[in-house]
Protein backbone atom coordinates (compact mmCIF):
# COMPACT_ATOMS: atom_id res chain seq x y z
CA MET A 1 -14.93 -44.40 7.55
CA LYS A 2 -15.96 -40.87 6.69
CA LEU A 3 -12.63 -39.56 8.01
CA ILE A 4 -10.68 -42.11 5.95
CA GLY A 5 -12.69 -41.19 2.87
CA LYS A 6 -12.00 -37.51 3.46
CA TYR A 7 -8.24 -37.97 3.61
CA LEU A 8 -8.29 -40.34 0.64
CA PHE A 9 -10.13 -37.69 -1.34
CA LEU A 10 -7.59 -35.02 -0.33
CA PHE A 11 -4.74 -37.35 -1.27
CA LEU A 12 -6.21 -37.96 -4.72
CA VAL A 13 -6.84 -34.26 -5.28
CA LEU A 14 -3.32 -33.39 -4.17
CA SER A 15 -1.82 -36.08 -6.39
CA SER A 16 -3.85 -34.84 -9.33
CA LEU A 17 -2.85 -31.22 -8.76
CA THR A 18 0.80 -32.15 -8.40
CA LEU A 19 0.77 -34.11 -11.65
CA ASN A 20 -1.22 -31.50 -13.53
CA SER A 21 0.96 -28.65 -12.34
CA SER A 22 4.34 -30.29 -12.83
CA CYS A 23 4.80 -28.13 -15.91
CA GLY A 24 4.02 -25.14 -13.70
CA VAL A 25 7.19 -25.59 -11.67
CA THR A 26 9.87 -24.10 -13.86
CA LYS A 27 12.90 -26.17 -14.74
CA GLN A 28 15.03 -23.11 -13.92
CA ASN A 29 14.38 -23.67 -10.24
CA THR A 30 16.91 -25.63 -8.17
CA LYS A 31 15.47 -29.08 -7.59
CA LEU A 32 14.50 -29.88 -4.04
CA VAL A 33 16.98 -32.41 -2.68
CA GLU A 34 15.83 -34.89 -0.07
CA GLY A 35 17.74 -34.42 3.16
CA LYS A 36 18.96 -30.97 2.21
CA LYS A 37 18.56 -28.34 4.91
CA GLU A 38 16.25 -25.77 3.36
CA ILE A 39 13.24 -23.56 3.85
CA VAL A 40 10.85 -23.67 0.90
CA ILE A 41 8.72 -20.75 -0.29
CA TYR A 42 6.48 -20.66 -3.38
CA SER A 43 6.74 -17.90 -5.98
CA LEU A 44 5.35 -17.02 -9.37
CA LEU A 45 7.89 -17.15 -12.16
CA PRO A 46 9.30 -13.63 -12.70
CA LYS A 47 8.23 -12.09 -15.98
CA GLY A 48 10.74 -9.27 -16.18
CA PRO A 49 13.64 -7.51 -14.46
CA SER A 50 11.29 -5.77 -12.01
CA ASP A 51 9.80 -9.04 -10.78
CA TYR A 52 12.71 -10.72 -9.03
CA LEU A 53 10.64 -11.71 -6.05
CA ILE A 54 12.62 -11.95 -2.79
CA GLU A 55 15.81 -13.02 -4.59
CA PHE A 56 17.67 -10.35 -2.62
CA ALA A 57 16.72 -11.90 0.70
CA LEU A 58 17.48 -15.52 -0.12
CA GLY A 59 20.49 -16.98 1.59
CA HIS A 60 21.69 -19.16 4.44
CA TYR A 61 20.32 -18.97 7.95
CA ASP A 62 22.38 -21.09 10.36
CA GLY A 63 23.46 -23.22 7.39
CA ILE A 64 19.91 -23.60 6.09
CA GLN A 65 19.20 -22.48 2.53
CA VAL A 66 16.02 -20.63 1.55
CA THR A 67 14.73 -22.13 -1.71
CA GLN A 68 12.03 -20.81 -4.03
CA VAL A 69 9.79 -23.09 -6.02
CA TYR A 70 8.66 -21.16 -9.06
CA PHE A 71 5.32 -21.56 -10.80
CA ASP A 72 4.46 -20.30 -14.24
CA ASP A 73 2.36 -17.15 -14.29
CA ASN A 74 -0.81 -19.07 -13.42
CA LEU A 75 -2.15 -17.65 -10.20
CA GLU A 76 -5.21 -19.92 -10.04
CA LYS A 77 -3.07 -23.05 -10.36
CA LEU A 78 -0.80 -21.89 -7.57
CA GLN A 79 -3.76 -20.96 -5.33
CA ASN A 80 -5.38 -24.37 -5.78
CA GLN A 81 -2.22 -26.38 -5.26
CA LEU A 82 -1.17 -24.37 -2.21
CA LYS A 83 -4.60 -24.70 -0.60
CA VAL A 84 -4.73 -28.48 -0.94
CA GLU A 85 -1.12 -29.03 0.10
CA LEU A 86 -1.51 -26.97 3.25
CA MET A 87 -4.65 -28.89 4.20
CA VAL A 88 -2.72 -32.18 4.25
CA GLY A 89 0.43 -30.86 5.91
CA GLU A 90 2.50 -30.49 2.75
CA GLY A 91 3.66 -27.51 0.72
CA PRO A 92 6.04 -24.68 1.60
CA ASP A 93 7.63 -23.92 4.97
CA VAL A 94 7.02 -20.18 4.68
CA VAL A 95 3.86 -18.76 3.11
CA CYS A 96 3.73 -15.28 1.60
CA THR A 97 0.10 -14.20 1.23
CA ASN A 98 0.74 -11.90 -1.74
CA ILE A 99 3.09 -12.23 -4.69
CA LEU A 100 3.61 -9.22 -6.97
CA SER A 101 0.48 -7.60 -5.46
CA ARG A 102 -1.61 -10.70 -6.21
CA SER A 103 -3.13 -12.75 -3.42
CA ILE A 104 -2.23 -16.44 -3.44
CA ILE A 105 -4.44 -17.18 -0.42
CA SER A 106 -8.21 -16.92 -0.85
CA SER A 107 -8.90 -16.55 2.87
CA VAL A 108 -6.29 -15.45 5.39
CA TYR A 109 -8.95 -15.73 8.10
CA LYS A 110 -9.68 -19.39 7.39
CA LEU A 111 -6.02 -20.40 7.29
CA ALA A 112 -5.35 -18.57 10.54
CA ASN A 113 -7.98 -20.73 12.21
CA SER A 114 -6.89 -24.05 10.72
CA ASN A 115 -3.83 -24.96 12.86
CA ILE A 116 -1.69 -24.90 9.72
CA PHE A 117 0.57 -22.09 10.97
CA ILE A 118 2.52 -21.61 14.18
CA ASP A 119 2.09 -18.78 16.67
CA LEU A 120 4.89 -16.28 16.00
CA ASP A 121 4.59 -14.35 19.26
CA PRO A 122 7.05 -16.59 21.16
CA TYR A 123 9.66 -15.93 18.46
CA LEU A 124 9.13 -12.17 18.66
CA LYS A 125 9.42 -12.26 22.46
CA ALA A 126 12.62 -14.33 22.31
CA ASP A 127 14.17 -12.07 19.65
CA LYS A 128 16.66 -9.81 21.48
CA THR A 129 16.91 -7.54 18.42
CA TYR A 130 13.14 -7.02 18.20
CA LYS A 131 11.90 -3.62 19.35
CA GLN A 132 8.14 -3.19 19.27
CA SER A 133 8.57 0.56 18.80
CA ASP A 134 10.31 -0.11 15.45
CA TYR A 135 7.17 -1.71 14.03
CA ASN A 136 3.78 -0.24 13.21
CA LYS A 137 1.80 -1.77 16.09
CA VAL A 138 -1.62 -1.10 14.55
CA ILE A 139 -0.72 -3.09 11.44
CA MET A 140 1.24 -5.76 13.29
CA ASP A 141 -1.74 -6.54 15.53
CA SER A 142 -4.20 -6.74 12.65
CA ASP A 143 -3.38 -10.40 12.10
CA VAL A 144 -3.80 -11.62 15.67
CA PHE A 145 -6.61 -14.19 15.80
CA ASN A 146 -7.88 -15.52 19.12
CA GLY A 147 -4.78 -14.17 20.87
CA LYS A 148 -2.30 -15.80 18.49
CA ARG A 149 -0.12 -14.16 15.85
CA PHE A 150 -0.04 -16.39 12.79
CA PHE A 151 1.16 -13.75 10.31
CA ILE A 152 3.74 -10.99 10.33
CA PRO A 153 2.73 -8.24 7.88
CA ARG A 154 5.56 -6.67 5.90
CA ILE A 155 3.71 -4.14 3.74
CA TYR A 156 0.37 -2.39 4.15
CA ASN A 157 -1.64 -0.11 1.90
CA VAL A 158 -3.71 3.00 2.36
CA PRO A 159 -5.86 3.52 -0.78
CA ALA A 160 -5.28 6.89 -2.40
CA LEU A 161 -6.21 8.92 -5.45
CA ILE A 162 -3.38 10.10 -7.69
CA THR A 163 -3.80 13.12 -9.96
CA THR A 164 -2.13 16.44 -10.78
CA LYS A 165 -2.95 19.98 -9.75
CA GLU A 166 -3.41 20.87 -13.42
CA LYS A 167 -6.11 18.22 -13.88
CA LEU A 168 -7.98 19.42 -10.83
CA VAL A 169 -7.88 23.04 -11.98
CA SER A 170 -8.92 22.28 -15.57
CA ASN A 171 -11.91 20.30 -14.29
CA ASN A 172 -12.80 22.87 -11.61
CA ILE A 173 -12.29 20.39 -8.78
CA LYS A 174 -11.29 21.84 -5.41
CA ILE A 175 -9.97 19.77 -2.52
CA SER A 176 -9.49 21.63 0.71
CA GLY A 177 -6.22 20.76 2.40
CA ASP A 178 -5.03 17.19 1.89
CA ARG A 179 -8.30 15.43 2.75
CA TRP A 180 -11.58 14.93 1.01
CA SER A 181 -14.74 14.20 2.99
CA TRP A 182 -17.30 11.68 1.75
CA GLU A 183 -19.72 14.54 1.15
CA ASP A 184 -17.05 16.32 -0.94
CA LEU A 185 -16.59 13.21 -3.07
CA ILE A 186 -20.31 12.75 -3.72
CA SER A 187 -20.76 16.46 -4.49
CA THR A 188 -17.82 16.38 -6.92
CA CYS A 189 -19.26 13.28 -8.65
CA LYS A 190 -22.60 15.07 -9.15
CA ASP A 191 -20.95 18.22 -10.54
CA PHE A 192 -18.60 16.23 -12.77
CA LEU A 193 -21.52 14.55 -14.54
CA ILE A 194 -22.67 18.01 -15.61
CA THR A 195 -19.36 19.71 -16.33
CA ARG A 196 -17.15 16.94 -17.78
CA LYS A 197 -15.74 17.72 -21.21
CA ASP A 198 -17.03 14.63 -23.02
CA LYS A 199 -19.00 11.50 -22.19
CA HIS A 200 -15.88 9.31 -22.29
CA GLN A 201 -14.15 11.24 -19.53
CA ALA A 202 -14.10 9.72 -16.04
CA LEU A 203 -13.50 11.25 -12.64
CA ILE A 204 -11.76 8.13 -11.28
CA TYR A 205 -9.89 5.39 -13.13
CA ASP A 206 -10.37 2.20 -11.10
CA SER A 207 -7.00 0.67 -11.95
CA ARG A 208 -7.69 -2.70 -10.28
CA ASN A 209 -11.50 -2.75 -10.30
CA ASN A 210 -11.27 -2.67 -6.54
CA LEU A 211 -12.86 0.64 -5.58
CA ILE A 212 -15.95 -0.78 -3.84
CA ILE A 213 -13.75 -3.03 -1.67
CA ASP A 214 -11.49 -0.10 -0.82
CA LEU A 215 -14.47 2.08 0.09
CA ILE A 216 -15.85 -0.59 2.40
CA ALA A 217 -12.48 -1.19 4.08
CA ASN A 218 -12.03 2.57 4.35
CA SER A 219 -15.37 3.28 6.03
CA LYS A 220 -15.64 4.64 9.55
CA GLU A 221 -17.75 1.67 10.59
CA SER A 222 -16.21 -1.77 10.26
CA PHE A 223 -18.81 -4.06 8.69
CA ILE A 224 -17.08 -7.29 9.69
CA ASN A 225 -15.22 -8.46 12.80
CA TYR A 226 -13.28 -11.67 12.22
CA ASN A 227 -12.46 -12.34 15.84
CA SER A 228 -16.02 -11.97 17.14
CA LYS A 229 -17.52 -13.38 13.90
CA ASN A 230 -19.95 -10.45 13.75
CA THR A 231 -21.13 -8.74 10.55
CA LYS A 232 -23.01 -5.49 9.93
CA PHE A 233 -23.59 -5.66 6.18
CA ASN A 234 -27.36 -5.83 6.66
CA SER A 235 -27.54 -2.28 8.02
CA GLN A 236 -28.73 1.17 6.96
CA ASN A 237 -25.13 2.44 6.85
CA PHE A 238 -24.07 -0.24 4.40
CA ILE A 239 -27.20 0.24 2.27
CA LYS A 240 -26.42 3.99 2.09
CA LEU A 241 -22.82 3.27 1.05
CA LEU A 242 -23.98 0.99 -1.77
CA LYS A 243 -26.58 3.50 -2.97
CA ASP A 244 -24.01 6.32 -3.03
CA TYR A 245 -21.65 4.07 -4.96
CA LYS A 246 -24.25 3.13 -7.59
CA ASN A 247 -25.99 6.49 -7.96
CA TYR A 248 -23.06 8.90 -7.88
CA ILE A 249 -19.68 7.17 -8.12
CA CYS A 250 -20.30 4.49 -10.76
CA PRO A 251 -21.52 6.99 -13.40
CA VAL A 252 -18.13 8.76 -13.28
CA LEU A 253 -15.98 5.65 -12.87
CA MET A 254 -13.74 4.09 -15.52
CA LYS A 255 -13.20 0.36 -15.06
CA ALA A 256 -9.84 -1.22 -15.83
CA THR A 257 -10.44 -3.03 -19.12
CA ASP A 258 -7.82 -3.50 -21.82
CA SER A 259 -9.45 -0.91 -24.08
CA ASN A 260 -9.83 1.60 -21.25
CA THR A 261 -6.22 1.14 -20.18
CA LYS A 262 -4.96 1.75 -23.72
CA ALA A 263 -7.19 4.79 -24.08
CA LEU A 264 -6.10 6.13 -20.72
CA PHE A 265 -2.44 6.07 -21.66
CA ALA A 266 -3.17 7.45 -25.13
CA ASP A 267 -5.04 10.42 -23.69
CA ASP A 268 -4.14 11.25 -20.11
CA ASN A 269 -7.16 13.52 -19.81
CA LEU A 270 -9.69 10.67 -20.04
CA ALA A 271 -9.52 10.22 -16.28
CA VAL A 272 -8.96 12.99 -13.78
CA MET A 273 -7.83 10.69 -10.97
CA LYS A 274 -6.39 7.21 -10.70
CA LEU A 275 -7.20 4.93 -7.79
CA ALA A 276 -3.98 3.58 -6.34
CA SER A 277 -5.09 0.70 -4.13
CA TYR A 278 -1.53 -0.40 -3.53
CA THR A 279 0.23 2.67 -2.32
CA GLY A 280 1.94 3.87 0.81
CA ASP A 281 5.57 4.56 0.03
CA PRO A 282 6.65 7.88 -1.48
CA ILE A 283 8.95 6.38 -4.11
CA SER A 284 6.16 4.46 -5.87
CA TYR A 285 3.95 7.53 -5.62
CA LEU A 286 6.50 9.84 -7.23
CA ALA A 287 6.89 7.35 -10.10
CA GLU A 288 3.15 7.43 -10.92
CA VAL A 289 2.96 10.51 -13.15
CA ASN A 290 4.87 13.74 -13.66
CA SER A 291 4.29 16.10 -10.71
CA PRO A 292 1.54 14.01 -9.09
CA SER A 293 -0.74 15.03 -6.26
CA ILE A 294 -1.89 12.44 -3.74
CA TYR A 295 -5.14 12.42 -1.77
CA LEU A 296 -6.22 9.69 0.61
CA LEU A 297 -9.42 7.97 -0.47
CA PRO A 298 -12.38 9.57 1.35
CA SER A 299 -13.76 7.57 4.24
CA TYR A 300 -17.45 6.72 4.27
CA GLY A 301 -18.66 8.26 7.51
CA ASN A 302 -15.49 10.40 7.57
CA GLY A 303 -13.40 8.17 9.78
CA GLY A 304 -9.66 7.93 10.26
CA VAL A 305 -6.89 6.46 8.12
CA TYR A 306 -7.16 2.71 7.65
CA GLY A 307 -4.29 0.49 6.60
CA VAL A 308 -4.85 -2.83 4.83
CA PRO A 309 -2.09 -5.45 5.34
CA GLN A 310 -0.90 -6.47 1.89
CA GLU A 311 2.05 -8.81 2.15
CA MET A 312 2.16 -11.13 5.16
CA TYR A 313 4.37 -14.06 6.12
CA ALA A 314 3.54 -17.20 8.07
CA ILE A 315 5.48 -20.33 9.06
CA THR A 316 3.78 -23.69 8.61
CA ALA A 317 3.68 -26.24 11.41
CA LYS A 318 5.53 -28.71 9.17
CA CYS A 319 8.60 -26.46 8.88
CA LYS A 320 11.65 -28.23 10.34
CA TYR A 321 13.71 -25.07 10.80
CA LYS A 322 11.31 -22.63 12.37
CA GLN A 323 13.90 -20.31 13.94
CA ALA A 324 15.73 -19.95 10.63
CA ALA A 325 12.39 -19.29 8.91
CA TYR A 326 11.64 -16.56 11.46
CA ASP A 327 15.09 -15.03 10.85
CA PHE A 328 14.37 -15.04 7.12
CA ILE A 329 11.07 -13.18 7.64
CA GLN A 330 12.81 -10.56 9.78
CA SER A 331 15.43 -10.03 7.06
CA MET A 332 12.56 -9.47 4.63
CA MET A 333 10.96 -6.95 6.99
CA LYS A 334 14.11 -4.83 7.05
CA SER A 335 15.24 -5.06 3.42
CA THR A 336 15.06 -1.87 1.38
CA ASN A 337 14.10 -3.85 -1.70
CA LEU A 338 10.41 -3.78 -0.91
CA LEU A 339 9.01 -4.67 -4.31
CA MET A 340 11.73 -6.95 -5.60
CA GLY A 341 13.73 -5.27 -8.37
CA LYS A 342 14.43 -1.59 -8.85
CA GLN A 343 11.08 -0.21 -7.83
CA GLY A 344 9.39 1.11 -4.74
CA SER A 345 7.26 -0.98 -2.45
CA ALA A 346 3.72 -0.43 -3.72
CA GLY A 347 2.97 -0.16 -0.03
CA ALA A 348 4.15 1.23 3.28
CA ALA A 349 6.76 -0.70 5.24
CA VAL A 350 5.58 -2.02 8.61
CA TYR A 351 9.18 -1.68 9.82
CA LYS A 352 9.29 2.03 10.71
CA PRO A 353 13.02 2.68 10.14
CA LEU A 354 12.56 1.38 6.60
CA PHE A 355 9.53 3.60 5.98
CA ASN A 356 11.60 6.55 7.22
CA ARG A 357 14.45 5.65 4.84
CA PHE A 358 12.07 5.80 1.89
CA MET A 359 10.77 9.16 3.09
CA GLU A 360 14.30 10.51 3.36
CA ALA A 361 15.18 9.22 -0.10
CA ALA A 362 12.09 10.86 -1.59
CA GLU A 363 12.95 14.13 0.13
CA GLY A 364 16.49 14.05 -1.22
CA LYS A 365 18.07 13.40 2.17
CA GLY A 366 19.28 9.91 1.41
CA TYR A 367 20.00 7.36 -1.27
CA ILE A 368 18.96 3.73 -1.19
CA SER A 369 22.04 2.44 -2.95
CA ASP A 370 21.47 -1.30 -2.84
CA ILE A 371 18.61 -1.09 -5.31
CA GLY A 372 19.55 2.13 -7.05
CA ILE A 373 16.63 4.25 -5.88
CA LYS A 374 17.29 7.95 -6.22
CA MET A 375 15.00 10.83 -5.36
CA TYR A 376 12.64 12.15 -8.02
CA ARG A 377 12.07 15.51 -6.32
CA PRO A 378 11.57 16.71 -2.75
CA LEU A 379 8.09 16.18 -1.33
CA ASN A 380 6.04 19.30 -0.72
CA SER A 381 4.33 20.04 2.59
CA GLU A 382 0.97 18.58 1.53
CA GLU A 383 2.61 15.35 0.42
CA LYS A 384 4.56 15.09 3.66
CA ASN A 385 1.30 15.43 5.59
CA VAL A 386 -0.32 12.62 3.58
CA PHE A 387 2.58 10.24 4.15
CA SER A 388 2.66 11.17 7.81
CA GLU A 389 -0.99 10.07 8.02
CA ILE A 390 -0.14 6.85 6.19
CA ALA A 391 2.65 6.13 8.66
CA ASN A 392 0.23 6.69 11.54
CA ALA A 393 -2.77 4.70 10.30
CA SER A 394 -5.40 4.75 13.04
CA GLU A 395 -6.71 1.25 12.39
CA ALA A 396 -6.03 -1.82 10.27
CA ARG A 397 -8.63 -3.65 8.22
CA LEU A 398 -8.03 -7.20 7.06
CA SER A 399 -8.85 -7.91 3.42
CA ASP A 400 -10.14 -11.44 2.78
CA ASP A 401 -10.54 -12.43 -0.87
CA THR A 402 -13.38 -14.85 -0.15
CA ILE A 403 -15.45 -12.16 1.58
CA ASN A 404 -14.49 -9.65 -1.13
CA GLU A 405 -15.85 -11.96 -3.82
CA MET A 406 -19.15 -12.29 -1.92
CA ILE A 407 -19.37 -8.50 -1.85
CA THR A 408 -18.49 -7.85 -5.49
CA THR A 409 -20.84 -10.58 -6.74
CA ALA A 410 -23.84 -9.07 -4.93
CA VAL A 411 -22.85 -5.48 -5.76
CA ASP A 412 -22.53 -6.35 -9.47
CA LYS A 413 -26.10 -7.69 -9.43
CA TYR A 414 -27.26 -4.53 -7.68
CA ILE A 415 -25.49 -2.29 -10.22
CA LYS A 416 -27.12 -4.23 -13.08
CA GLY A 417 -30.53 -3.80 -11.44
CA THR A 418 -31.35 -7.48 -10.87
CA ILE A 419 -31.56 -6.98 -7.09
CA THR A 420 -32.09 -3.99 -4.79
CA ALA A 421 -29.51 -2.51 -2.40
CA GLU A 422 -31.43 -4.04 0.49
CA GLN A 423 -31.37 -7.48 -1.14
CA ALA A 424 -27.64 -7.14 -1.85
CA THR A 425 -26.86 -6.36 1.79
CA ILE A 426 -28.96 -9.30 3.00
CA GLU A 427 -27.17 -11.64 0.57
CA ILE A 428 -23.71 -10.44 1.61
CA ASP A 429 -24.52 -10.57 5.31
CA ARG A 430 -25.98 -14.08 5.11
CA LYS A 431 -23.04 -15.50 3.13
CA ALA A 432 -20.46 -13.77 5.31
CA LYS A 433 -22.02 -15.10 8.53
CA LEU A 434 -22.11 -18.64 7.14
CA PHE A 435 -18.49 -18.35 6.07
CA LEU A 436 -17.31 -17.07 9.47
CA ASN A 437 -19.15 -19.75 11.39
CA GLU A 438 -18.74 -22.84 9.22
C-alpha cells in the first residue's frame, strides 16, 4: 500500500507540474507528435541571438529527428518538472545537465545512482570512430559511478582570474610567472586592505557569487568522494580554508549584485580582478576585456589544476532510439559552436581536436568559419602556458548543486557570525554524509 501511495503521489505531482507549466512550453516549439520518430531534449527559451542552444546540432540521425521542448526562462520550473518526470520514467530522451551555464539538475550524483540513465560505455566501445586519445580522459572519467558511465561531459571549466597588466601594476600586485600560490593570494589580500585606493574598491569581483565553491573544488585535498561516500569537511584543513576565506578574502571581495555590476561597468577600476568560473577556451577569454591577463585560481594547499565538468549529456532508459541519441551527443562533442550562437564556449572542450582548433583560432592560425569566430590577437607565451595547463588538467572535481547549497548555507552563517568555523564544518559534513548515504 505504501508503494501504491508513493506512485500515486508522484503521479499527482507530475500532473500538477505539467498543468501548471503548460504555459512554460513555448508555442513556438514544434508540437510532439505521437508515433513520430524523435529524440526529445529540454531547453530554456532563447532570449537573444547568442542563446540559440544546440540548434546547430539538431537534425536527423538514421531518420530520427532531434526535437527541443522549450521552456520560458524559468529555471526553477524546469528543474522541478524535469526531476519529477525522470523519477516516473517520463521526460526527455537526452538530458543536458547545464543550459546556458545554468544547472537544470540539482544533483548529478543522485541521478547517476537512480537507474534513470543508461551506461554509455558499451556505446563508446562499439563506436568505430571513437578514439580515447581524442578525448580528455581525466574529465571523461569524472562521471563514472560504480564502474558505469552515465554522463559524457562536453565542456569543463578551470576557474581563473581575469585582469590586465595595467591594473596589477597600478595596484602594486605582483604575480610571479603564470601561477599564484595560496600564500601569495592571502598576502595580497592583506596588503590590498591597506593600500587600496578607496573603500569601495575590491580585489576580486565574484561574478557568479561562486568563489567559495570554486576554492573548495580547487583545493589540493578533495573534501568529498562520491564513489566511496566519504567526506572530509569536518577537518582542520577545511576549517583553515574557511577561516582564510572569511578573514582575508571576504574583506576584499565584491559580490555580484545588480548595483555592484552596474558600478563595475561604470568604473572598471572598482575591481582589480574578475573571477571567471566558466572559462577554459581562449576565445571567451580574449573577449573578456581589452588586453586581458589570465591567472588560474590559486589552489588551497597548492595542488594541481582541477577541471570541473560543466555540460554533460545522458540518455534516459526510456529513450527508444538510444543509438541515434548517442550519435547526437557525439555530434555535439565535435561541433565548433560550443556556446550556441556566435560566442566561445565558456569552457574547455573535452574533445581535444576541438580545443586545439580554438587555440589555433586564437593564435591567428585558423578561422572557425561556421560560427564566424575570428582571432582577437595572438596569445602571448604566458597565456599559452595557462591554456596548456587547462588542457592538461590533473584531476576532475564533480560539482553537485545540492552539496554546494549545503556548503554556502553554512558558510553564510559563519560569515555573519552566527556560528563558528568549526560548527560550520560539522554542519556541512553531517548533511553531506546523510545525503550521500540516504
